């Protein structure tokens, strides 16, 4: 089996998640996709051996930032006051 197969799969999912997030019109779906992007980044860091950096990325990037963005979307109104 190829030694780089896992990295290729992780990088492919990372690129696809970024492109999907850019193309989405629904903000909530874009935030979820960006959380997947952050989790894939953490997975790549684990594969590269940076466990502490990966843990921080998973907690902050996929966890806290995702929750804060979802709360910000839910607290805003969809229609303008005009």
C-alpha atoms as a PDB file:
ATOM      1  CA  UNK A   1       0.000   0.000   0.000  1.00  0.00           C
ATOM      2  CA  UNK A   2       1.211   3.504  -0.724  1.00  0.00           C
ATOM      3  CA  UNK A   3       2.660   5.311   2.288  1.00  0.00           C
ATOM      4  CA  UNK A   4       1.201   8.634   1.081  1.00  0.00           C
ATOM      5  CA  UNK A   5      -2.338   7.345   0.523  1.00  0.00           C
ATOM      6  CA  UNK A   6      -3.738   8.699   3.799  1.00  0.00           C
ATOM      7  CA  UNK A   7      -2.209  12.136   3.206  1.00  0.00           C
ATOM      8  CA  UNK A   8      -3.593  12.249  -0.327  1.00  0.00           C
ATOM      9  CA  UNK A   9      -7.072  11.365   0.923  1.00  0.00           C
ATOM     10  CA  UNK A  10      -6.912  13.954   3.730  1.00  0.00           C
ATOM     11  CA  UNK A  11      -5.665  16.698   1.408  1.00  0.00           C
ATOM     12  CA  UNK A  12      -8.365  15.835  -1.135  1.00  0.00           C
ATOM     13  CA  UNK A  13     -11.097  16.088   1.500  1.00  0.00           C
ATOM     14  CA  UNK A  14      -9.525  19.346   2.712  1.00  0.00           C
ATOM     15  CA  UNK A  15      -9.587  20.912  -0.752  1.00  0.00           C
ATOM     16  CA  UNK A  16     -13.112  19.666  -1.489  1.00  0.00           C
ATOM     17  CA  UNK A  17     -14.402  21.048   1.825  1.00  0.00           C
ATOM     18  CA  UNK A  18     -12.847  24.448   1.088  1.00  0.00           C
ATOM     19  CA  UNK A  19     -14.329  24.600  -2.405  1.00  0.00           C
ATOM     20  CA  UNK A  20     -17.755  23.484  -1.202  1.00  0.00           C
ATOM     21  CA  UNK A  21     -17.717  26.091   1.582  1.00  0.00           C
ATOM     22  CA  UNK A  22     -16.916  28.812  -0.942  1.00  0.00           C
ATOM     23  CA  UNK A  23     -19.782  27.781  -3.192  1.00  0.00           C
ATOM     24  CA  UNK A  24     -22.527  27.455  -0.585  1.00  0.00           C
ATOM     25  CA  UNK A  25     -25.217  30.118  -0.279  1.00  0.00           C
ATOM     26  CA  UNK A  26     -26.527  28.846   3.054  1.00  0.00           C
ATOM     27  CA  UNK A  27     -24.385  30.337   5.827  1.00  0.00           C
ATOM     28  CA  UNK A  28     -25.098  27.559   8.313  1.00  0.00           C
ATOM     29  CA  UNK A  29     -23.986  24.898   5.844  1.00  0.00           C
ATOM     30  CA  UNK A  30     -20.863  26.943   5.077  1.00  0.00           C
ATOM     31  CA  UNK A  31     -19.949  27.080   8.778  1.00  0.00           C
ATOM     32  CA  UNK A  32     -20.391  23.318   9.116  1.00  0.00           C
ATOM     33  CA  UNK A  33     -18.250  22.771   6.026  1.00  0.00           C
ATOM     34  CA  UNK A  34     -15.537  25.049   7.416  1.00  0.00           C
ATOM     35  CA  UNK A  35     -15.624  23.055  10.652  1.00  0.00           C
ATOM     36  CA  UNK A  36     -15.014  19.926   8.560  1.00  0.00           C
ATOM     37  CA  UNK A  37     -12.128  21.788   6.913  1.00  0.00           C
ATOM     38  CA  UNK A  38     -10.646  22.589  10.313  1.00  0.00           C
ATOM     39  CA  UNK A  39     -11.052  18.999  11.491  1.00  0.00           C
ATOM     40  CA  UNK A  40      -9.306  17.732   8.360  1.00  0.00           C
ATOM     41  CA  UNK A  41      -6.467  20.187   9.029  1.00  0.00           C
ATOM     42  CA  UNK A  42      -6.167  18.732  12.515  1.00  0.00           C
ATOM     43  CA  UNK A  43      -6.134  15.215  11.043  1.00  0.00           C
ATOM     44  CA  UNK A  44      -3.281  16.154   8.715  1.00  0.00           C
ATOM     45  CA  UNK A  45      -1.346  17.578  11.659  1.00  0.00           C
ATOM     46  CA  UNK A  46      -1.849  14.320  13.589  1.00  0.00           C
ATOM     47  CA  UNK A  47      -0.537  12.360  10.607  1.00  0.00           C
ATOM     48  CA  UNK A  48       2.497  14.657  10.479  1.00  0.00           C
ATOM     49  CA  UNK A  49       3.181  14.092  14.185  1.00  0.00           C
ATOM     50  CA  UNK A  50       2.144  17.464  15.635  1.00  0.00           C
ATOM     51  CA  UNK A  51      -0.353  16.132  18.157  1.00  0.00           C
ATOM     52  CA  UNK A  52      -0.476  19.242  20.352  1.00  0.00           C
ATOM     53  CA  UNK A  53      -1.052  21.568  17.403  1.00  0.00           C
ATOM     54  CA  UNK A  54      -3.714  19.221  16.030  1.00  0.00           C
ATOM     55  CA  UNK A  55      -5.519  19.155  19.366  1.00  0.00           C
ATOM     56  CA  UNK A  56      -5.521  22.944  19.532  1.00  0.00           C
ATOM     57  CA  UNK A  57      -6.793  23.188  15.948  1.00  0.00           C
ATOM     58  CA  UNK A  58      -9.578  20.709  16.641  1.00  0.00           C
ATOM     59  CA  UNK A  59     -10.706  22.427  19.831  1.00  0.00           C
ATOM     60  CA  UNK A  60     -10.432  26.010  18.640  1.00  0.00           C
ATOM     61  CA  UNK A  61     -10.982  25.717  14.895  1.00  0.00           C
ATOM     62  CA  UNK A  62     -13.635  23.038  14.629  1.00  0.00           C
ATOM     63  CA  UNK A  63     -15.157  23.518  18.068  1.00  0.00           C
ATOM     64  CA  UNK A  64     -15.187  27.028  19.456  1.00  0.00           C
ATOM     65  CA  UNK A  65     -15.104  28.990  16.202  1.00  0.00           C
ATOM     66  CA  UNK A  66     -17.822  26.797  14.695  1.00  0.00           C
ATOM     67  CA  UNK A  67     -20.109  27.286  17.702  1.00  0.00           C
ATOM     68  CA  UNK A  68     -19.492  31.051  17.776  1.00  0.00           C
ATOM     69  CA  UNK A  69     -20.221  31.362  14.053  1.00  0.00           C
ATOM     70  CA  UNK A  70     -23.418  29.321  14.353  1.00  0.00           C
ATOM     71  CA  UNK A  71     -24.576  31.457  17.276  1.00  0.00           C
ATOM     72  CA  UNK A  72     -23.815  34.635  15.320  1.00  0.00           C
ATOM     73  CA  UNK A  73     -25.829  33.370  12.354  1.00  0.00           C
ATOM     74  CA  UNK A  74     -28.766  32.389  14.545  1.00  0.00           C
ATOM     75  CA  UNK A  75     -28.795  35.756  16.346  1.00  0.00           C
ATOM     76  CA  UNK A  76     -28.940  37.811  13.153  1.00  0.00           C
ATOM     77  CA  UNK A  77     -32.141  38.465  11.261  1.00  0.00           C
ATOM     78  CA  UNK A  78     -32.594  37.278   7.694  1.00  0.00           C
ATOM     79  CA  UNK A  79     -34.427  40.355   6.421  1.00  0.00           C
ATOM     80  CA  UNK A  80     -33.223  43.921   6.422  1.00  0.00           C
ATOM     81  CA  UNK A  81     -35.134  46.695   8.156  1.00  0.00           C
ATOM     82  CA  UNK A  82     -35.545  48.685   4.930  1.00  0.00           C
END
